[in-house]
Protein backbone atom coordinates (compact mmCIF):
# COMPACT_ATOMS: atom_id res chain seq x y z
CA MET A 1 0.05 0.13 0.04
CA GLN A 2 2.74 2.66 0.82
CA ALA A 3 4.63 1.71 -2.35
CA ARG A 4 1.24 2.12 -4.21
CA GLU A 5 0.89 5.59 -2.69
CA ASN A 6 4.68 6.80 -3.29
CA LEU A 7 3.90 5.48 -7.04
CA VAL A 8 0.76 8.18 -6.93
CA GLN A 9 2.54 10.68 -5.03
CA SER A 10 5.39 10.34 -7.70
CA ALA A 11 3.18 10.25 -11.00
CA THR A 12 1.28 13.39 -9.70
CA LYS A 13 4.72 15.33 -9.09
CA SER A 14 5.68 14.26 -12.43
CA ALA A 15 2.44 15.29 -13.94
CA ALA A 16 2.86 18.69 -11.85
CA ASP A 17 6.08 19.16 -13.38
CA ALA A 18 5.77 18.75 -16.96
CA LEU A 19 2.62 20.82 -16.77
CA ILE A 20 4.81 24.10 -15.24
CA PRO A 21 7.61 24.63 -18.26
CA GLN A 22 4.56 24.75 -20.56
CA ALA A 23 3.07 27.34 -18.37
CA SER A 24 6.75 28.79 -18.09
CA ASP A 25 6.95 28.61 -21.82
CA LYS A 26 3.57 30.12 -22.45
CA GLN A 27 4.68 33.37 -20.34
CA LYS A 28 7.94 33.31 -21.93
CA TRP A 29 6.67 33.78 -25.36
CA TRP A 30 4.33 36.16 -24.61
CA GLN A 31 6.89 38.02 -23.08
CA GLN A 32 9.19 38.14 -25.99
CA VAL A 33 6.18 38.59 -28.20
CA THR A 34 5.33 41.76 -26.24
CA GLU A 35 9.06 43.06 -25.35
CA TYR A 36 10.21 42.95 -29.39
CA SER A 37 7.04 43.69 -30.65
CA LEU A 38 7.30 47.31 -30.47
CA ILE A 39 11.01 47.51 -31.69
CA LEU A 40 9.65 45.68 -35.11
CA ILE A 41 6.87 48.20 -35.30
CA PHE A 42 9.10 51.20 -35.26
CA GLY A 43 11.75 49.13 -37.45
CA VAL A 44 8.62 48.61 -39.91
CA MET A 45 7.31 52.31 -39.87
CA PHE A 46 10.95 53.60 -39.80
CA ILE A 47 11.80 51.78 -42.92
CA THR A 48 8.66 52.56 -44.76
CA MET A 49 8.69 56.26 -44.14
CA SER A 50 12.45 56.28 -45.64
CA LEU A 51 11.29 54.72 -48.77
CA THR A 52 7.97 56.75 -49.47
CA VAL A 53 8.40 60.24 -47.60
CA ASP A 54 10.62 62.87 -49.40
CA HIS A 55 13.41 64.26 -47.29
CA PHE A 56 12.50 62.07 -44.23
CA PHE A 57 16.16 60.02 -44.13
CA SER A 58 18.06 63.18 -44.61
CA ILE A 59 20.81 63.83 -41.82
CA GLU A 60 19.07 67.42 -41.50
CA ASN A 61 15.60 65.78 -41.00
CA MET A 62 17.34 63.30 -38.64
CA LEU A 63 18.72 66.40 -36.75
CA GLY A 64 15.59 68.05 -36.48
CA LEU A 65 13.43 65.13 -35.63
CA ALA A 66 15.75 64.25 -32.65
CA LEU A 67 15.96 67.90 -31.51
CA SER A 68 11.72 68.07 -31.38
CA ILE A 69 11.67 65.10 -29.20
CA SER A 70 14.09 66.13 -27.10
CA GLN A 71 11.86 67.82 -24.15
CA ILE A 72 9.53 65.02 -24.44
CA GLY A 73 12.44 62.32 -24.08
CA MET A 74 13.95 64.14 -20.81
CA VAL A 75 10.50 64.51 -19.04
CA ALA A 76 9.35 60.84 -20.32
CA CYS A 77 12.41 59.35 -18.64
CA THR A 78 11.26 60.98 -15.14
CA MET A 79 7.40 60.63 -16.02
CA MET A 80 8.27 56.55 -16.57
CA PHE A 81 8.90 56.16 -12.38
CA CYS A 82 5.50 58.02 -11.68
CA LEU A 83 3.58 55.90 -14.05
CA ALA A 84 5.49 52.81 -12.73
CA SER A 85 4.64 53.42 -9.03
CA ARG A 86 0.82 54.06 -10.31
CA ASP A 87 0.79 57.77 -10.18
CA PHE A 88 0.86 60.33 -13.03
CA ASP A 89 1.79 63.93 -13.21
CA LEU A 90 -0.73 66.47 -15.22
CA SER A 91 1.35 69.46 -14.28
CA ILE A 92 4.15 68.93 -15.92
CA GLY A 93 2.99 71.14 -19.14
CA SER A 94 2.71 74.06 -16.65
CA THR A 95 5.75 73.45 -15.24
CA VAL A 96 7.65 73.60 -18.22
CA ALA A 97 5.86 77.12 -19.27
CA PHE A 98 6.32 78.30 -15.65
CA ALA A 99 10.36 77.37 -15.42
CA GLY A 100 11.06 79.11 -18.92
CA VAL A 101 9.31 82.64 -17.75
CA LEU A 102 11.13 82.05 -14.07
CA CYS A 103 14.54 81.86 -15.92
CA ALA A 104 14.10 84.58 -18.01
CA MET A 105 13.00 86.93 -15.42
CA VAL A 106 16.02 86.07 -13.43
CA LEU A 107 18.45 86.19 -15.83
CA ASN A 108 17.14 89.34 -16.73
CA ALA A 109 17.47 90.52 -13.20
CA THR A 110 21.01 89.09 -12.23
CA ASP A 111 22.45 89.00 -15.58
CA ASN A 112 24.13 85.52 -14.45
CA THR A 113 23.23 82.39 -16.83
CA PHE A 114 23.97 79.77 -13.55
CA ILE A 115 21.74 81.26 -11.21
CA ALA A 116 18.97 81.75 -13.49
CA ILE A 117 18.83 77.97 -14.40
CA ALA A 118 19.27 76.83 -10.92
CA ALA A 119 16.45 78.99 -9.62
CA ALA A 120 14.15 77.56 -12.50
CA VAL A 121 15.01 74.01 -11.67
CA ALA A 122 14.74 74.39 -7.83
CA ALA A 123 11.18 75.92 -8.62
CA GLY A 124 10.57 72.80 -10.71
CA ALA A 125 11.67 70.72 -7.79
CA VAL A 126 9.23 72.40 -5.10
CA ILE A 127 6.41 71.65 -7.52
CA GLY A 128 7.15 68.03 -7.65
CA PHE A 129 7.74 68.16 -3.71
CA VAL A 130 4.36 69.60 -3.19
CA ASN A 131 2.69 67.30 -5.78
CA GLY A 132 4.46 64.11 -3.78
CA ALA A 133 3.71 65.12 0.07
CA VAL A 134 0.32 66.16 -1.19
CA ILE A 135 -0.16 62.58 -2.78
CA ALA A 136 1.55 60.53 -0.52
CA TYR A 137 1.14 61.46 3.17
CA LEU A 138 -2.51 63.51 2.51
CA ARG A 139 -3.82 60.37 0.37
CA ILE A 140 -5.11 62.94 -2.19
CA ASN A 141 -5.75 61.22 -5.90
CA ALA A 142 -2.94 62.01 -8.27
CA LEU A 143 -5.24 63.24 -11.00
CA ILE A 144 -6.82 65.80 -8.59
CA THR A 145 -3.61 67.01 -7.35
CA THR A 146 -2.23 67.35 -10.30
CA LEU A 147 -4.57 69.08 -12.28
CA ALA A 148 -5.17 71.36 -9.51
CA THR A 149 -1.24 72.46 -9.75
CA MET A 150 -1.44 72.10 -13.44
CA GLU A 151 -4.16 75.29 -13.08
CA ILE A 152 -1.88 76.79 -10.20
CA VAL A 153 1.68 76.83 -11.69
CA ARG A 154 0.32 77.88 -14.68
CA GLY A 155 -1.69 80.67 -13.30
CA LEU A 156 2.17 81.98 -11.73
CA GLY A 157 3.33 82.06 -14.92
CA PHE A 158 0.82 84.34 -16.55
CA ILE A 159 0.95 86.53 -12.81
CA ALA A 160 4.44 86.44 -13.13
CA SER A 161 4.85 87.95 -17.02
CA HIS A 162 1.44 89.43 -16.79
CA GLY A 163 0.76 87.55 -19.73
CA GLN A 164 3.08 88.00 -22.09
CA ALA A 165 6.20 86.37 -23.40
CA VAL A 166 9.27 87.37 -21.13
CA GLY A 167 12.42 87.94 -23.97
CA VAL A 168 16.25 87.26 -22.97
CA SER A 169 18.62 89.03 -24.03
CA SER A 170 21.72 87.10 -22.76
CA ASP A 171 24.09 85.40 -25.78
CA THR A 172 25.44 82.92 -23.12
CA PHE A 173 21.64 81.74 -22.66
CA ILE A 174 20.84 81.82 -26.10
CA ALA A 175 24.15 79.99 -26.94
CA LEU A 176 22.87 77.13 -24.98
CA GLY A 177 19.93 76.09 -26.85
CA ASN A 178 21.68 76.35 -30.17
CA LEU A 179 25.18 75.10 -29.25
CA THR A 180 26.35 71.79 -30.84
CA MET A 181 28.85 68.83 -29.76
CA GLY A 182 29.81 66.80 -32.87
CA GLY A 183 27.45 68.03 -35.27
CA VAL A 184 24.32 67.20 -32.30
CA SER A 185 22.63 69.40 -30.13
CA LEU A 186 23.09 70.47 -26.77
CA PRO A 187 19.50 69.28 -26.20
CA ILE A 188 19.76 65.87 -27.75
CA TRP A 189 23.18 65.49 -25.62
CA VAL A 190 20.99 65.80 -22.58
CA THR A 191 18.38 63.94 -23.55
CA LEU A 192 20.71 60.59 -24.24
CA LEU A 193 22.18 61.27 -20.75
CA CYS A 194 18.97 61.17 -19.26
CA PHE A 195 18.04 57.87 -21.25
CA VAL A 196 21.14 56.66 -19.69
CA ALA A 197 21.06 58.20 -16.22
CA PHE A 198 17.23 56.83 -15.94
CA GLY A 199 17.92 53.66 -17.28
CA VAL A 200 20.85 52.99 -15.16
CA LEU A 201 18.62 54.40 -11.80
CA LEU A 202 15.48 51.78 -13.20
CA ASN A 203 17.52 48.78 -13.56
CA LYS A 204 20.58 48.99 -11.37
CA THR A 205 19.20 50.61 -7.97
CA VAL A 206 17.31 50.28 -5.14
CA TYR A 207 15.59 53.44 -6.12
CA GLY A 208 14.23 52.12 -9.24
CA ARG A 209 13.44 48.61 -7.72
CA ASN A 210 11.39 50.23 -4.96
CA THR A 211 9.18 52.44 -7.44
CA LEU A 212 8.43 49.23 -9.39
CA ALA A 213 7.73 47.29 -6.49
CA ILE A 214 5.34 50.15 -5.10
CA GLY A 215 3.73 49.78 -8.48
CA GLY A 216 3.07 46.23 -8.26
CA ASN A 217 1.86 46.22 -4.78
CA PRO A 218 2.09 49.48 -2.39
CA GLU A 219 0.75 47.57 0.72
CA ALA A 220 3.12 44.60 0.00
CA SER A 221 6.26 46.76 -0.45
CA ARG A 222 5.49 48.68 2.69
CA LEU A 223 5.70 45.32 4.93
CA ALA A 224 8.49 44.58 3.26
CA GLY A 225 10.18 48.06 4.76
CA ILE A 226 10.11 50.26 1.97
CA ASN A 227 9.01 53.78 2.74
CA VAL A 228 6.53 54.14 0.09
CA GLU A 229 5.64 57.75 0.97
CA ARG A 230 9.11 58.90 0.61
CA THR A 231 10.14 56.86 -2.34
CA ARG A 232 6.59 58.79 -4.09
CA VAL A 233 7.93 62.34 -2.76
CA TYR A 234 11.59 61.67 -4.18
CA ILE A 235 9.37 60.43 -7.70
CA PHE A 236 7.94 63.83 -7.98
CA LEU A 237 10.51 65.71 -6.90
CA ILE A 238 13.10 64.57 -9.82
CA GLN A 239 10.22 64.66 -11.89
CA GLY A 240 9.79 68.21 -11.35
CA ALA A 241 13.32 69.20 -11.98
CA VAL A 242 13.91 67.49 -15.00
CA THR A 243 10.69 69.03 -16.08
CA ALA A 244 11.90 72.52 -15.55
CA LEU A 245 15.39 71.75 -17.12
CA ALA A 246 13.43 71.01 -19.86
CA GLY A 247 11.48 74.20 -19.91
CA VAL A 248 14.91 76.16 -19.21
CA ILE A 249 16.19 74.08 -22.60
CA LEU A 250 13.04 75.43 -24.20
CA ALA A 251 13.52 78.66 -23.45
CA SER A 252 17.05 78.96 -24.42
CA ARG A 253 15.53 77.66 -28.12
CA ILE A 254 12.71 80.51 -28.30
CA THR A 255 14.52 82.89 -26.49
CA SER A 256 11.99 83.70 -24.23
CA GLY A 257 9.83 82.55 -21.49
CA GLN A 258 6.51 81.79 -22.86
CA PRO A 259 3.66 81.56 -19.84
CA ASN A 260 1.44 79.91 -22.72
CA ALA A 261 4.14 77.54 -23.64
CA ALA A 262 3.71 73.72 -23.89
CA GLN A 263 0.18 73.29 -23.77
CA GLY A 264 -1.40 69.57 -24.15
CA PHE A 265 2.54 68.46 -23.50
CA GLU A 266 1.78 66.43 -20.34
CA LEU A 267 -0.84 63.79 -22.62
CA ASN A 268 2.48 63.74 -25.12
CA VAL A 269 4.45 62.77 -23.06
CA ILE A 270 2.20 59.94 -20.91
CA SER A 271 1.37 58.37 -24.51
CA ALA A 272 5.07 57.89 -25.36
CA CYS A 273 5.25 56.26 -22.24
CA VAL A 274 2.39 54.04 -22.55
CA LEU A 275 3.12 53.43 -26.42
CA GLY A 276 6.58 52.51 -24.86
CA GLY A 277 5.24 49.51 -22.72
CA VAL A 278 5.18 51.19 -19.15
CA SER A 279 1.82 50.01 -17.36
CA LEU A 280 -0.92 52.33 -16.11
CA LEU A 281 -1.60 50.19 -13.50
CA GLY A 282 2.04 50.33 -12.35
CA GLY A 283 4.83 47.52 -11.98
CA ARG A 284 6.04 47.62 -15.32
CA ALA A 285 8.59 50.23 -17.22
CA THR A 286 11.58 49.41 -19.44
CA ILE A 287 13.70 52.68 -20.05
CA SER A 288 14.47 50.91 -23.97
CA GLY A 289 10.41 51.00 -24.17
CA VAL A 290 10.17 54.23 -23.37
CA VAL A 291 12.88 55.67 -26.12
CA ILE A 292 10.89 53.63 -28.79
CA GLY A 293 7.61 55.39 -27.47
CA VAL A 294 9.05 58.66 -27.62
CA LEU A 295 10.69 57.99 -31.36
CA ILE A 296 7.17 56.60 -32.55
CA MET A 297 5.37 59.92 -31.37
CA GLY A 298 7.98 62.00 -32.77
CA THR A 299 8.43 60.04 -36.06
CA VAL A 300 4.76 60.41 -36.66
CA GLU A 301 4.53 64.21 -35.99
CA ASN A 302 7.73 64.67 -38.22
CA VAL A 303 6.11 62.61 -41.45
CA MET A 304 2.80 64.71 -40.83
CA ASN A 305 4.58 68.17 -40.71
CA LEU A 306 6.39 66.82 -44.15
CA LEU A 307 3.52 65.77 -45.80
CA ASN A 308 1.86 68.85 -44.51
CA ILE A 309 -1.47 67.21 -42.86
CA ASP A 310 -3.33 70.14 -41.35
CA ALA A 311 -2.89 70.84 -37.90
CA PHE A 312 -6.66 69.47 -37.44
CA TYR A 313 -5.99 66.30 -38.27
CA GLN A 314 -2.75 66.26 -36.06
CA TYR A 315 -4.91 66.17 -33.49
CA LEU A 316 -7.13 63.35 -34.35
CA VAL A 317 -4.04 61.03 -35.22
CA ARG A 318 -2.22 62.15 -31.74
CA GLY A 319 -5.35 61.07 -29.87
CA ALA A 320 -5.63 57.68 -31.82
CA ILE A 321 -2.40 56.96 -31.14
CA LEU A 322 -3.07 57.70 -27.19
CA LEU A 323 -6.01 55.52 -27.04
CA ALA A 324 -3.83 53.00 -29.05
CA ALA A 325 -1.50 52.53 -26.61
CA VAL A 326 -3.99 52.32 -23.83
CA LEU A 327 -5.63 49.40 -25.59
CA LEU A 328 -1.93 47.87 -25.86
CA ASP A 329 -1.38 48.36 -22.35
CA GLN A 330 -4.37 46.08 -21.29
CA LEU A 331 -3.67 43.62 -23.58
CA LYS A 332 -0.03 43.28 -22.30
CA ASN A 333 -1.71 42.97 -19.00
CA ARG A 334 -4.23 40.40 -19.78
CA GLY A 335 -1.38 38.22 -21.66
CA ALA A 336 0.53 39.02 -17.98
CA ARG A 337 -2.64 37.35 -16.34
CA ASP A 338 -3.29 34.72 -18.69
């Protein structure tokens, strides 16, 4: 009898072991499909555009494309952390505008480029800290919090500038936006640096692992000893500082601080992140996916401009891309659950 029971247990265990690799193989197959599908889509799209759209694959257009997505790319790196932790920030467009206005005003008052940039970045960090503290400690929804700060910060920009653009006369500051190294503009180099730095931060540091853990399960992360509230504040603080830096670079490029700049900027950034595989439910993000998402968004807009497509239709296309990104995110979540 004992021998029979042992035989049954052995057979049951063998059957279970046989089933486990099948489930694992299915999951691995789905992960490979979702991981490389975006790269394949972008590759096919890029080759098609290069063959069918005049001047698309020219060096001038490639550099112009990289420059046009530089601000979105910078901020997408930090928005990736917000989304991965189950939060998001709708105030980034207003922060870009306010940082540009503040930088221009401080620069005109002090004639010191370093002080002006430092003041703008510090202001962005304060905005991010307020967002993070309200969301983390007061437990107010990120949608309501960042929607409120979006209006407040935009209003501060209009009040400070009296509703007008703040011109900049400093040649040093203006040169920053036009500075090139190796034939590549400074904003592009800054964006590449952000991709590398935040990629390392996500994959190689405790901060990055904690962010993904919080997004996956905040309560389990808290029980595991992670200071969830403090981590969320850090995420938004860094978000605000990097967004302000993007605003400074934009002000340098257009030689003025514009209080109405970057309207709709937050939707473009969130679309690029979600399109790049960052889950709206938190817990999943890759820097490579964000890079591809930013490139897809920028390439589509660049091609529409080359084809002289009316701006009204471009709104439809951007909305369709956002919807497609959300649907893709839902399909990935279903695949992961299955």
